[in-house]
Amino acid sequence: MKSLIEKLVTISSPSGREHAIREVIAGEIKPYVDEMKIDPLGNLVALKKGKSGRKLLFDGHMDEIGVVVTHVDSKGFLRVDSIGGLSPYMLLGSRLVFDTGASGVVDVEGETIKDLKETMKSLDYDHIFVDIGATDKEDAEKKAPVGTFGTYDSTFVDLGKRLVSKSMDDRIACAIMIQVLKELEKPEDDVYFVFAVQEEVGIVGASVAAFDIMPDMAVAIDVTAGPDTPKSFKRMGFNLGGGPTIKIKDRGSISSSRVVSRLKEVAEKRDIPTQYEVLIFGGTDASGYQMTGRGIASGTVSIPCRYVHSPHEMVDYDDVLNAVRLLKALAEEGVE
């Protein structure tokens, strides 16, 4: 499965520009699904038919955080704005790749040492720039004009038990769902796999994906910030390698008790290690499904992840494999 993960995370597809990753995912899942479509917003929706008449939905968002070019100055330096929750501190010193093929390095402006120190205390997008090696404004506009989208330019690293790359959020969920589809032979319910767009800018894809499905249960698969590094968030207690987490709540939603109970029941029956997650910030596509139509019982299975929204997000491979086991088991057991 590592080769699949590497294939997905190295593709550049920020929110609103998911066509590249969608094409690859569609090619991966086509032999394993009964139906597949792309909705008007760009969500990729696949169906694996069951026998019960009930409907189970799995969701993983395809998009990733990124930037968009907002201005090109006279010397050819780019100004950018964020697409999703991308801190300018995370960008400093990183490489970016743009959808035109241009590459660049991010740095910060400062005319004096005092000026630079003050800027770094409260860094924002007004004080960073991207150098794409352009010689002047005209050269830069040929390579990356205003409106060009970009993402981190970083590589996949296999550390054995731990995997590192950009866009584990949320390509790791896409890889998990693809693997479930490849292994799932006899689902109890009709299982819908939604590879959603624009989660990073406001749960956009999930908010519309289920209107024509209205499943009996929806489970979002996402990453969750790993609190197990030195002096990290002390009010959370899950760890990399402890198993996928069953979310209780985050800032965006409270998981359905029915979904939490069912996931825990299936995990215990199949002896799959899991952890409980109470996230003190953030949110997932689960909130979009909760508010779809008349409402859908929704929850989240998360992969603990260190350094979320950085160029080097880290996950534990065992957590990934156990998430595949958990979701496959739920599909085989059914929502009830």
C-alpha atoms as a PDB file:
ATOM      1  CA  MET A   1       0.000   0.000   0.000  1.00  0.00           C
ATOM      2  CA  LYS A   2       2.976   2.327   0.437  1.00  0.00           C
ATOM      3  CA  SER A   3       3.371   2.732  -3.314  1.00  0.00           C
ATOM      4  CA  LEU A   4      -0.266   3.822  -3.564  1.00  0.00           C
ATOM      5  CA  ILE A   5       0.223   6.370  -0.790  1.00  0.00           C
ATOM      6  CA  GLU A   6       3.334   7.763  -2.467  1.00  0.00           C
ATOM      7  CA  LYS A   7       1.495   8.010  -5.771  1.00  0.00           C
ATOM      8  CA  LEU A   8      -1.341  10.044  -4.250  1.00  0.00           C
ATOM      9  CA  VAL A   9       0.590  12.406  -1.984  1.00  0.00           C
ATOM     10  CA  THR A  10       3.022  13.514  -4.666  1.00  0.00           C
ATOM     11  CA  ILE A  11       0.242  14.848  -6.915  1.00  0.00           C
ATOM     12  CA  SER A  12      -0.402  18.587  -6.683  1.00  0.00           C
ATOM     13  CA  SER A  13      -4.150  19.308  -6.426  1.00  0.00           C
ATOM     14  CA  PRO A  14      -5.153  22.148  -4.089  1.00  0.00           C
ATOM     15  CA  SER A  15      -8.747  23.037  -3.243  1.00  0.00           C
ATOM     16  CA  GLY A  16     -10.665  24.014  -6.345  1.00  0.00           C
ATOM     17  CA  ARG A  17      -8.124  22.337  -8.636  1.00  0.00           C
ATOM     18  CA  GLU A  18      -8.688  18.640  -7.841  1.00  0.00           C
ATOM     19  CA  HIS A  19      -8.807  17.348 -11.421  1.00  0.00           C
ATOM     20  CA  ALA A  20      -5.313  15.798 -11.370  1.00  0.00           C
ATOM     21  CA  ILE A  21      -5.831  13.754  -8.215  1.00  0.00           C
ATOM     22  CA  ARG A  22      -9.396  12.849  -9.213  1.00  0.00           C
ATOM     23  CA  GLU A  23      -8.195  11.359 -12.490  1.00  0.00           C
ATOM     24  CA  VAL A  24      -5.651   9.162 -10.713  1.00  0.00           C
ATOM     25  CA  ILE A  25      -8.136   7.988  -8.066  1.00  0.00           C
ATOM     26  CA  ALA A  26     -10.751   7.188 -10.707  1.00  0.00           C
ATOM     27  CA  GLY A  27      -8.224   5.034 -12.539  1.00  0.00           C
ATOM     28  CA  GLU A  28      -7.353   3.174  -9.337  1.00  0.00           C
ATOM     29  CA  ILE A  29     -10.928   2.345  -8.317  1.00  0.00           C
ATOM     30  CA  LYS A  30     -12.646   1.758 -11.655  1.00  0.00           C
ATOM     31  CA  PRO A  31     -12.142  -2.062 -11.697  1.00  0.00           C
ATOM     32  CA  TYR A  32     -13.575  -2.410  -8.181  1.00  0.00           C
ATOM     33  CA  VAL A  33     -16.807  -0.378  -8.244  1.00  0.00           C
ATOM     34  CA  ASP A  34     -20.294  -0.976  -9.613  1.00  0.00           C
ATOM     35  CA  GLU A  35     -20.950   2.665 -10.432  1.00  0.00           C
ATOM     36  CA  MET A  36     -18.872   5.835 -10.566  1.00  0.00           C
ATOM     37  CA  LYS A  37     -19.651   9.460 -11.370  1.00  0.00           C
ATOM     38  CA  ILE A  38     -18.345  13.006 -11.010  1.00  0.00           C
ATOM     39  CA  ASP A  39     -20.946  15.416  -9.642  1.00  0.00           C
ATOM     40  CA  PRO A  40     -21.278  19.048 -10.829  1.00  0.00           C
ATOM     41  CA  LEU A  41     -19.018  20.311  -8.043  1.00  0.00           C
ATOM     42  CA  GLY A  42     -16.259  17.824  -8.879  1.00  0.00           C
ATOM     43  CA  ASN A  43     -16.716  15.203  -6.169  1.00  0.00           C
ATOM     44  CA  LEU A  44     -15.867  11.681  -7.310  1.00  0.00           C
ATOM     45  CA  VAL A  45     -18.611   9.317  -6.080  1.00  0.00           C
ATOM     46  CA  ALA A  46     -18.289   5.528  -6.384  1.00  0.00           C
ATOM     47  CA  LEU A  47     -20.689   2.758  -5.345  1.00  0.00           C
ATOM     48  CA  LYS A  48     -20.055  -0.804  -4.218  1.00  0.00           C
ATOM     49  CA  LYS A  49     -23.433  -2.564  -4.026  1.00  0.00           C
ATOM     50  CA  GLY A  50     -24.554  -4.609  -1.020  1.00  0.00           C
ATOM     51  CA  LYS A  51     -27.663  -6.604  -0.172  1.00  0.00           C
ATOM     52  CA  SER A  52     -29.403  -4.980   2.805  1.00  0.00           C
ATOM     53  CA  GLY A  53     -30.960  -1.974   1.090  1.00  0.00           C
ATOM     54  CA  ARG A  54     -29.261   0.350   3.580  1.00  0.00           C
ATOM     55  CA  LYS A  55     -26.616   2.898   2.600  1.00  0.00           C
ATOM     56  CA  LEU A  56     -23.207   3.524   4.161  1.00  0.00           C
ATOM     57  CA  LEU A  57     -21.017   6.411   3.022  1.00  0.00           C
ATOM     58  CA  PHE A  58     -17.256   6.822   3.402  1.00  0.00           C
ATOM     59  CA  ASP A  59     -15.730  10.241   2.693  1.00  0.00           C
ATOM     60  CA  GLY A  60     -12.149  11.379   2.192  1.00  0.00           C
ATOM     61  CA  HIS A  61     -11.332  14.767   0.732  1.00  0.00           C
ATOM     62  CA  MET A  62      -9.061  14.916  -2.320  1.00  0.00           C
ATOM     63  CA  ASP A  63      -7.905  18.507  -2.004  1.00  0.00           C
ATOM     64  CA  GLU A  64      -4.895  19.875  -0.171  1.00  0.00           C
ATOM     65  CA  ILE A  65      -3.897  23.256   1.193  1.00  0.00           C
ATOM     66  CA  GLY A  66      -2.054  25.610  -1.132  1.00  0.00           C
ATOM     67  CA  VAL A  67      -1.541  29.155  -2.342  1.00  0.00           C
ATOM     68  CA  VAL A  68      -2.730  31.345  -5.183  1.00  0.00           C
ATOM     69  CA  VAL A  69      -0.727  34.116  -6.855  1.00  0.00           C
ATOM     70  CA  THR A  70      -2.262  37.526  -6.097  1.00  0.00           C
ATOM     71  CA  HIS A  71       0.365  39.930  -7.458  1.00  0.00           C
ATOM     72  CA  VAL A  72       3.617  40.026  -9.434  1.00  0.00           C
ATOM     73  CA  ASP A  73       5.975  42.916  -8.663  1.00  0.00           C
ATOM     74  CA  SER A  74       8.334  44.733 -11.029  1.00  0.00           C
ATOM     75  CA  LYS A  75      11.262  42.463 -10.186  1.00  0.00           C
ATOM     76  CA  GLY A  76       9.292  39.270 -10.746  1.00  0.00           C
ATOM     77  CA  PHE A  77       8.641  38.277  -7.149  1.00  0.00           C
ATOM     78  CA  LEU A  78       5.232  36.764  -6.447  1.00  0.00           C
ATOM     79  CA  ARG A  79       2.800  37.659  -3.707  1.00  0.00           C
ATOM     80  CA  VAL A  80       0.398  34.913  -2.689  1.00  0.00           C
ATOM     81  CA  ASP A  81      -2.579  34.181  -0.478  1.00  0.00           C
ATOM     82  CA  SER A  82      -3.473  30.937   1.262  1.00  0.00           C
ATOM     83  CA  ILE A  83      -5.919  28.297   0.063  1.00  0.00           C
ATOM     84  CA  GLY A  84      -7.056  26.702   3.290  1.00  0.00           C
ATOM     85  CA  GLY A  85      -5.349  26.896   6.663  1.00  0.00           C
ATOM     86  CA  LEU A  86      -1.764  27.450   5.599  1.00  0.00           C
ATOM     87  CA  SER A  87       0.331  29.422   8.083  1.00  0.00           C
ATOM     88  CA  PRO A  88       2.920  31.786   6.590  1.00  0.00           C
ATOM     89  CA  TYR A  89       5.367  30.460   9.189  1.00  0.00           C
ATOM     90  CA  MET A  90       5.056  26.988   7.639  1.00  0.00           C
ATOM     91  CA  LEU A  91       5.823  28.460   4.218  1.00  0.00           C
ATOM     92  CA  LEU A  92       9.088  30.169   5.114  1.00  0.00           C
ATOM     93  CA  GLY A  93      12.026  28.451   3.438  1.00  0.00           C
ATOM     94  CA  SER A  94       9.788  25.909   1.725  1.00  0.00           C
ATOM     95  CA  ARG A  95       9.592  25.189  -1.989  1.00  0.00           C
ATOM     96  CA  LEU A  96       6.349  25.590  -3.908  1.00  0.00           C
ATOM     97  CA  VAL A  97       5.298  24.135  -7.228  1.00  0.00           C
ATOM     98  CA  PHE A  98       2.668  25.895  -9.327  1.00  0.00           C
ATOM     99  CA  ASP A  99       0.137  24.425 -11.735  1.00  0.00           C
ATOM    100  CA  THR A 100       2.019  26.034 -14.623  1.00  0.00           C
ATOM    101  CA  GLY A 101       5.092  23.971 -13.717  1.00  0.00           C
ATOM    102  CA  ALA A 102       6.985  26.878 -12.163  1.00  0.00           C
ATOM    103  CA  SER A 103       8.803  26.302  -8.870  1.00  0.00           C
ATOM    104  CA  GLY A 104       9.794  28.812  -6.232  1.00  0.00           C
ATOM    105  CA  VAL A 105      11.184  29.459  -2.764  1.00  0.00           C
ATOM    106  CA  VAL A 106       9.354  31.390  -0.031  1.00  0.00           C
ATOM    107  CA  ASP A 107      11.108  34.102   1.972  1.00  0.00           C
ATOM    108  CA  VAL A 108      10.242  37.128   4.108  1.00  0.00           C
ATOM    109  CA  GLU A 109      10.845  40.817   3.498  1.00  0.00           C
ATOM    110  CA  GLY A 110      12.709  43.095   5.948  1.00  0.00           C
ATOM    111  CA  GLU A 111      14.726  46.268   5.316  1.00  0.00           C
ATOM    112  CA  THR A 112      16.536  46.231   8.672  1.00  0.00           C
ATOM    113  CA  ILE A 113      17.263  43.649  11.353  1.00  0.00           C
ATOM    114  CA  LYS A 114      14.810  45.428  13.652  1.00  0.00           C
ATOM    115  CA  ASP A 115      12.185  45.453  10.901  1.00  0.00           C
ATOM    116  CA  LEU A 116      12.700  41.740  10.269  1.00  0.00           C
ATOM    117  CA  LYS A 117      12.412  40.875  13.965  1.00  0.00           C
ATOM    118  CA  GLU A 118       9.155  42.792  14.261  1.00  0.00           C
ATOM    119  CA  THR A 119       7.774  41.145  11.125  1.00  0.00           C
ATOM    120  CA  MET A 120       8.601  37.669  12.420  1.00  0.00           C
ATOM    121  CA  LYS A 121       6.687  38.285  15.650  1.00  0.00           C
ATOM    122  CA  SER A 122       3.387  38.433  13.763  1.00  0.00           C
ATOM    123  CA  LEU A 123       4.137  37.148  10.284  1.00  0.00           C
ATOM    124  CA  ASP A 124       1.410  37.436   7.668  1.00  0.00           C
ATOM    125  CA  TYR A 125       1.028  37.090   3.907  1.00  0.00           C
ATOM    126  CA  ASP A 126       1.694  40.795   3.387  1.00  0.00           C
ATOM    127  CA  HIS A 127       5.335  40.217   4.300  1.00  0.00           C
ATOM    128  CA  ILE A 128       6.259  37.032   2.437  1.00  0.00           C
ATOM    129  CA  PHE A 129       7.105  36.538  -1.220  1.00  0.00           C
ATOM    130  CA  VAL A 130       7.923  33.717  -3.622  1.00  0.00           C
ATOM    131  CA  ASP A 131      11.026  33.743  -5.798  1.00  0.00           C
ATOM    132  CA  ILE A 132      10.534  31.649  -8.948  1.00  0.00           C
ATOM    133  CA  GLY A 133      13.827  32.726 -10.484  1.00  0.00           C
ATOM    134  CA  ALA A 134      12.195  35.276 -12.793  1.00  0.00           C
ATOM    135  CA  THR A 135      14.296  38.125 -14.146  1.00  0.00           C
ATOM    136  CA  ASP A 136      11.476  40.680 -14.190  1.00  0.00           C
ATOM    137  CA  LYS A 137       7.688  41.102 -14.064  1.00  0.00           C
ATOM    138  CA  GLU A 138       7.148  39.993 -17.654  1.00  0.00           C
ATOM    139  CA  ASP A 139       9.191  36.835 -17.146  1.00  0.00           C
ATOM    140  CA  ALA A 140       7.330  36.003 -13.941  1.00  0.00           C
ATOM    141  CA  GLU A 141       3.921  36.548 -15.524  1.00  0.00           C
ATOM    142  CA  LYS A 142       4.790  34.032 -18.226  1.00  0.00           C
ATOM    143  CA  LYS A 143       5.685  31.441 -15.561  1.00  0.00           C
ATOM    144  CA  ALA A 144       3.061  32.112 -12.886  1.00  0.00           C
ATOM    145  CA  PRO A 145       0.515  34.838 -13.625  1.00  0.00           C
ATOM    146  CA  VAL A 146      -2.029  36.115 -11.117  1.00  0.00           C
ATOM    147  CA  GLY A 147      -4.531  33.354 -10.344  1.00  0.00           C
ATOM    148  CA  THR A 148      -2.006  30.529 -10.583  1.00  0.00           C
ATOM    149  CA  PHE A 149      -2.433  27.861  -7.872  1.00  0.00           C
ATOM    150  CA  GLY A 150       0.463  26.217  -6.055  1.00  0.00           C
ATOM    151  CA  THR A 151       1.243  23.640  -3.363  1.00  0.00           C
ATOM    152  CA  TYR A 152       4.205  22.484  -1.320  1.00  0.00           C
ATOM    153  CA  ASP A 153       6.925  20.874  -3.412  1.00  0.00           C
ATOM    154  CA  SER A 154       8.118  18.072  -1.129  1.00  0.00           C
ATOM    155  CA  THR A 155       8.925  14.400  -1.466  1.00  0.00           C
ATOM    156  CA  PHE A 156       7.520  11.219   0.070  1.00  0.00           C
ATOM    157  CA  VAL A 157       9.826   9.628   2.644  1.00  0.00           C
ATOM    158  CA  ASP A 158       9.424   6.059   3.889  1.00  0.00           C
ATOM    159  CA  LEU A 159      10.891   5.801   7.396  1.00  0.00           C
ATOM    160  CA  GLY A 160       9.674   2.237   7.834  1.00  0.00           C
ATOM    161  CA  LYS A 161       6.908   2.432  10.409  1.00  0.00           C
ATOM    162  CA  ARG A 162       6.442   6.157   9.820  1.00  0.00           C
ATOM    163  CA  LEU A 163       5.678   7.871   6.507  1.00  0.00           C
ATOM    164  CA  VAL A 164       6.320  11.547   5.746  1.00  0.00           C
ATOM    165  CA  SER A 165       5.036  13.772   2.943  1.00  0.00           C
ATOM    166  CA  LYS A 166       2.963  16.788   2.067  1.00  0.00           C
ATOM    167  CA  SER A 167      -0.807  16.251   1.723  1.00  0.00           C
ATOM    168  CA  MET A 168      -1.199  13.255   4.009  1.00  0.00           C
ATOM    169  CA  ASP A 169      -4.151  15.506   4.818  1.00  0.00           C
ATOM    170  CA  ASP A 170      -6.139  13.982   3.279  1.00  0.00           C
ATOM    171  CA  ARG A 171      -4.603  11.752   0.605  1.00  0.00           C
ATOM    172  CA  ILE A 172      -3.993   9.163   3.312  1.00  0.00           C
ATOM    173  CA  ALA A 173      -7.793   8.838   3.585  1.00  0.00           C
ATOM    174  CA  CYS A 174      -8.060   8.512  -0.192  1.00  0.00           C
ATOM    175  CA  ALA A 175      -5.478   5.708  -0.094  1.00  0.00           C
ATOM    176  CA  ILE A 176      -7.367   3.981   2.721  1.00  0.00           C
ATOM    177  CA  MET A 177     -10.649   4.154   0.830  1.00  0.00           C
ATOM    178  CA  ILE A 178      -9.049   2.845  -2.362  1.00  0.00           C
ATOM    179  CA  GLN A 179      -7.558  -0.058  -0.433  1.00  0.00           C
ATOM    180  CA  VAL A 180     -10.925  -0.841   1.187  1.00  0.00           C
ATOM    181  CA  LEU A 181     -12.498  -0.916  -2.269  1.00  0.00           C
ATOM    182  CA  LYS A 182      -9.821  -3.286  -3.524  1.00  0.00           C
ATOM    183  CA  GLU A 183     -10.309  -5.695  -0.608  1.00  0.00           C
ATOM    184  CA  LEU A 184     -14.075  -5.434  -0.105  1.00  0.00           C
ATOM    185  CA  GLU A 185     -15.908  -8.317  -1.756  1.00  0.00           C
ATOM    186  CA  LYS A 186     -19.276  -8.685  -0.032  1.00  0.00           C
ATOM    187  CA  PRO A 187     -20.491  -5.503   1.659  1.00  0.00           C
ATOM    188  CA  GLU A 188     -23.642  -5.769   3.736  1.00  0.00           C
ATOM    189  CA  ASP A 189     -24.952  -2.369   2.666  1.00  0.00           C
ATOM    190  CA  ASP A 190     -24.571  -0.282  -0.455  1.00  0.00           C
ATOM    191  CA  VAL A 191     -21.301   1.494   0.235  1.00  0.00           C
ATOM    192  CA  TYR A 192     -20.689   4.900  -1.307  1.00  0.00           C
ATOM    193  CA  PHE A 193     -17.136   6.218  -1.519  1.00  0.00           C
ATOM    194  CA  VAL A 194     -17.013  10.005  -1.829  1.00  0.00           C
ATOM    195  CA  PHE A 195     -13.680  11.574  -2.748  1.00  0.00           C
ATOM    196  CA  ALA A 196     -14.670  15.135  -1.902  1.00  0.00           C
ATOM    197  CA  VAL A 197     -13.469  18.521  -3.111  1.00  0.00           C
ATOM    198  CA  GLN A 198     -12.686  21.741  -1.244  1.00  0.00           C
ATOM    199  CA  GLU A 199     -12.734  20.500   2.343  1.00  0.00           C
ATOM    200  CA  GLU A 200      -9.848  22.783   3.226  1.00  0.00           C
ATOM    201  CA  VAL A 201     -11.809  25.918   2.367  1.00  0.00           C
ATOM    202  CA  GLY A 202     -15.040  25.141   4.198  1.00  0.00           C
ATOM    203  CA  ILE A 203     -16.384  21.573   3.830  1.00  0.00           C
ATOM    204  CA  VAL A 204     -17.682  22.541   0.384  1.00  0.00           C
ATOM    205  CA  GLY A 205     -17.783  19.180  -1.407  1.00  0.00           C
ATOM    206  CA  ALA A 206     -19.257  17.182   1.462  1.00  0.00           C
ATOM    207  CA  SER A 207     -22.015  19.742   1.904  1.00  0.00           C
ATOM    208  CA  VAL A 208     -23.537  18.722  -1.420  1.00  0.00           C
ATOM    209  CA  ALA A 209     -22.206  15.207  -2.086  1.00  0.00           C
ATOM    210  CA  ALA A 210     -24.870  13.267  -0.200  1.00  0.00           C
ATOM    211  CA  PHE A 211     -28.046  15.035  -1.366  1.00  0.00           C
ATOM    212  CA  ASP A 212     -28.845  12.375  -3.959  1.00  0.00           C
ATOM    213  CA  ILE A 213     -27.629   9.527  -1.706  1.00  0.00           C
ATOM    214  CA  MET A 214     -28.942  10.322   1.814  1.00  0.00           C
ATOM    215  CA  PRO A 215     -27.113   7.412   3.437  1.00  0.00           C
ATOM    216  CA  ASP A 216     -28.107   5.813   6.715  1.00  0.00           C
ATOM    217  CA  MET A 217     -24.644   6.545   8.071  1.00  0.00           C
ATOM    218  CA  ALA A 218     -21.664   8.635   6.960  1.00  0.00           C
ATOM    219  CA  VAL A 219     -18.066   8.257   8.124  1.00  0.00           C
ATOM    220  CA  ALA A 220     -15.473  10.865   7.202  1.00  0.00           C
ATOM    221  CA  ILE A 221     -11.869   9.709   7.133  1.00  0.00           C
ATOM    222  CA  ASP A 222      -9.285  12.387   7.873  1.00  0.00           C
ATOM    223  CA  VAL A 223      -6.107  13.110   9.784  1.00  0.00           C
ATOM    224  CA  THR A 224      -5.983  14.540  13.285  1.00  0.00           C
ATOM    225  CA  ALA A 225      -3.192  16.560  14.839  1.00  0.00           C
ATOM    226  CA  GLY A 226      -0.835  14.269  16.741  1.00  0.00           C
ATOM    227  CA  PRO A 227      -0.493  15.449  20.357  1.00  0.00           C
ATOM    228  CA  ASP A 228       2.419  13.151  21.192  1.00  0.00           C
ATOM    229  CA  THR A 229       5.401  15.408  20.448  1.00  0.00           C
ATOM    230  CA  PRO A 230       7.280  17.236  23.239  1.00  0.00           C
ATOM    231  CA  LYS A 231       5.084  19.729  25.116  1.00  0.00           C
ATOM    232  CA  SER A 232       2.218  19.307  22.663  1.00  0.00           C
ATOM    233  CA  PHE A 233      -1.476  19.723  23.457  1.00  0.00           C
ATOM    234  CA  LYS A 234      -1.867  18.258  26.943  1.00  0.00           C
ATOM    235  CA  ARG A 235      -5.679  18.027  26.804  1.00  0.00           C
ATOM    236  CA  MET A 236      -5.516  15.325  24.121  1.00  0.00           C
ATOM    237  CA  GLY A 237      -4.052  11.871  24.594  1.00  0.00           C
ATOM    238  CA  PHE A 238      -3.953   9.819  21.388  1.00  0.00           C
ATOM    239  CA  ASN A 239      -0.675   8.750  19.799  1.00  0.00           C
ATOM    240  CA  LEU A 240       0.870   7.743  16.502  1.00  0.00           C
ATOM    241  CA  GLY A 241       0.842   3.963  16.365  1.00  0.00           C
ATOM    242  CA  GLY A 242      -2.008   3.534  18.841  1.00  0.00           C
ATOM    243  CA  GLY A 243      -4.541   2.850  16.103  1.00  0.00           C
ATOM    244  CA  PRO A 244      -6.961   5.023  14.133  1.00  0.00           C
ATOM    245  CA  THR A 245      -9.064   7.287  16.305  1.00  0.00           C
ATOM    246  CA  ILE A 246     -12.830   7.318  16.649  1.00  0.00           C
ATOM    247  CA  LYS A 247     -13.716  10.976  16.938  1.00  0.00           C
ATOM    248  CA  ILE A 248     -16.014  12.088  19.751  1.00  0.00           C
ATOM    249  CA  LYS A 249     -16.017  15.782  18.813  1.00  0.00           C
ATOM    250  CA  ASP A 250     -14.038  18.637  17.327  1.00  0.00           C
ATOM    251  CA  ARG A 251     -14.762  22.338  16.821  1.00  0.00           C
ATOM    252  CA  GLY A 252     -16.924  21.572  13.790  1.00  0.00           C
ATOM    253  CA  SER A 253     -19.161  18.739  14.963  1.00  0.00           C
ATOM    254  CA  ILE A 254     -20.110  16.250  17.640  1.00  0.00           C
ATOM    255  CA  SER A 255     -20.053  12.727  16.253  1.00  0.00           C
ATOM    256  CA  SER A 256     -23.296  10.760  16.316  1.00  0.00           C
ATOM    257  CA  SER A 257     -23.307   8.437  19.326  1.00  0.00           C
ATOM    258  CA  ARG A 258     -24.726   5.778  17.029  1.00  0.00           C
ATOM    259  CA  VAL A 259     -21.697   6.031  14.727  1.00  0.00           C
ATOM    260  CA  VAL A 260     -19.236   6.049  17.630  1.00  0.00           C
ATOM    261  CA  SER A 261     -20.874   2.994  19.189  1.00  0.00           C
ATOM    262  CA  ARG A 262     -21.010   1.086  15.914  1.00  0.00           C
ATOM    263  CA  LEU A 263     -17.364   1.756  15.104  1.00  0.00           C
ATOM    264  CA  LYS A 264     -16.278   0.695  18.584  1.00  0.00           C
ATOM    265  CA  GLU A 265     -18.454  -2.433  18.434  1.00  0.00           C
ATOM    266  CA  VAL A 266     -16.975  -3.489  15.095  1.00  0.00           C
ATOM    267  CA  ALA A 267     -13.421  -2.724  16.246  1.00  0.00           C
ATOM    268  CA  GLU A 268     -13.824  -4.840  19.377  1.00  0.00           C
ATOM    269  CA  LYS A 269     -15.398  -7.709  17.455  1.00  0.00           C
ATOM    270  CA  ARG A 270     -12.514  -7.780  14.941  1.00  0.00           C
ATOM    271  CA  ASP A 271      -9.799  -7.006  17.537  1.00  0.00           C
ATOM    272  CA  ILE A 272      -8.752  -3.786  15.763  1.00  0.00           C
ATOM    273  CA  PRO A 273      -6.857  -1.261  17.934  1.00  0.00           C
ATOM    274  CA  THR A 274      -8.539   2.146  18.121  1.00  0.00           C
ATOM    275  CA  GLN A 275      -8.299   5.296  20.199  1.00  0.00           C
ATOM    276  CA  TYR A 276     -10.851   7.923  21.160  1.00  0.00           C
ATOM    277  CA  GLU A 277     -10.302  11.440  19.855  1.00  0.00           C
ATOM    278  CA  VAL A 278     -11.568  14.685  21.336  1.00  0.00           C
ATOM    279  CA  LEU A 279      -9.986  17.346  19.143  1.00  0.00           C
ATOM    280  CA  ILE A 280      -9.880  20.836  20.673  1.00  0.00           C
ATOM    281  CA  PHE A 281      -9.818  22.556  17.267  1.00  0.00           C
ATOM    282  CA  GLY A 282     -10.485  21.817  13.592  1.00  0.00           C
ATOM    283  CA  GLY A 283     -13.226  19.909  11.822  1.00  0.00           C
ATOM    284  CA  THR A 284     -13.906  17.332   9.115  1.00  0.00           C
ATOM    285  CA  ASP A 285     -16.374  16.612   6.324  1.00  0.00           C
ATOM    286  CA  ALA A 286     -18.587  14.884   8.914  1.00  0.00           C
ATOM    287  CA  SER A 287     -20.151  18.245   9.730  1.00  0.00           C
ATOM    288  CA  GLY A 288     -21.199  18.646   6.100  1.00  0.00           C
ATOM    289  CA  TYR A 289     -23.015  15.309   6.115  1.00  0.00           C
ATOM    290  CA  GLN A 290     -24.697  16.040   9.429  1.00  0.00           C
ATOM    291  CA  MET A 291     -26.361  19.072   7.861  1.00  0.00           C
ATOM    292  CA  THR A 292     -27.299  17.467   4.528  1.00  0.00           C
ATOM    293  CA  GLY A 293     -31.030  17.227   3.755  1.00  0.00           C
ATOM    294  CA  ARG A 294     -32.916  15.976   6.785  1.00  0.00           C
ATOM    295  CA  GLY A 295     -29.632  15.147   8.515  1.00  0.00           C
ATOM    296  CA  ILE A 296     -27.329  12.116   8.445  1.00  0.00           C
ATOM    297  CA  ALA A 297     -25.829  10.191  11.366  1.00  0.00           C
ATOM    298  CA  SER A 298     -22.153  11.043  10.915  1.00  0.00           C
ATOM    299  CA  GLY A 299     -18.777  10.582  12.554  1.00  0.00           C
ATOM    300  CA  THR A 300     -15.082  10.505  11.777  1.00  0.00           C
ATOM    301  CA  VAL A 301     -12.264   7.970  11.763  1.00  0.00           C
ATOM    302  CA  SER A 302      -8.944   9.800  11.961  1.00  0.00           C
ATOM    303  CA  ILE A 303      -5.307   8.969  11.348  1.00  0.00           C
ATOM    304  CA  PRO A 304      -3.070  10.620  13.979  1.00  0.00           C
ATOM    305  CA  CYS A 305      -0.677  12.909  12.136  1.00  0.00           C
ATOM    306  CA  ARG A 306       2.232  15.040  13.260  1.00  0.00           C
ATOM    307  CA  TYR A 307       3.030  18.414  11.667  1.00  0.00           C
ATOM    308  CA  VAL A 308      -0.372  18.852   9.995  1.00  0.00           C
ATOM    309  CA  HIS A 309      -0.459  21.457   7.198  1.00  0.00           C
ATOM    310  CA  SER A 310       3.327  21.451   6.925  1.00  0.00           C
ATOM    311  CA  PRO A 311       5.376  20.166   3.969  1.00  0.00           C
ATOM    312  CA  HIS A 312       6.252  17.093   6.047  1.00  0.00           C
ATOM    313  CA  GLU A 313       3.169  15.504   7.610  1.00  0.00           C
ATOM    314  CA  MET A 314       3.924  12.240   9.429  1.00  0.00           C
ATOM    315  CA  VAL A 315       1.642   9.214   9.918  1.00  0.00           C
ATOM    316  CA  ASP A 316       2.137   5.707  11.281  1.00  0.00           C
ATOM    317  CA  TYR A 317       1.744   2.918   8.725  1.00  0.00           C
ATOM    318  CA  ASP A 318       0.126   0.538  11.235  1.00  0.00           C
ATOM    319  CA  ASP A 319      -2.572   3.154  11.935  1.00  0.00           C
ATOM    320  CA  VAL A 320      -3.252   3.301   8.205  1.00  0.00           C
ATOM    321  CA  LEU A 321      -3.526  -0.476   7.849  1.00  0.00           C
ATOM    322  CA  ASN A 322      -5.792  -0.719  10.889  1.00  0.00           C
ATOM    323  CA  ALA A 323      -8.037   2.008   9.458  1.00  0.00           C
ATOM    324  CA  VAL A 324      -8.411  -0.133   6.337  1.00  0.00           C
ATOM    325  CA  ARG A 325      -9.352  -3.094   8.544  1.00  0.00           C
ATOM    326  CA  LEU A 326     -11.862  -1.024  10.525  1.00  0.00           C
ATOM    327  CA  LEU A 327     -13.670   0.466   7.538  1.00  0.00           C
ATOM    328  CA  LYS A 328     -13.699  -2.813   5.650  1.00  0.00           C
ATOM    329  CA  ALA A 329     -15.152  -4.529   8.718  1.00  0.00           C
ATOM    330  CA  LEU A 330     -17.848  -1.874   9.057  1.00  0.00           C
ATOM    331  CA  ALA A 331     -18.785  -2.313   5.400  1.00  0.00           C
ATOM    332  CA  GLU A 332     -18.967  -6.092   5.873  1.00  0.00           C
ATOM    333  CA  GLU A 333     -20.938  -5.893   9.132  1.00  0.00           C
ATOM    334  CA  GLY A 334     -23.234  -3.072   8.009  1.00  0.00           C
ATOM    335  CA  VAL A 335     -24.525   0.034   9.726  1.00  0.00           C
ATOM    336  CA  GLU A 336     -26.781  -2.044  12.037  1.00  0.00           C
END
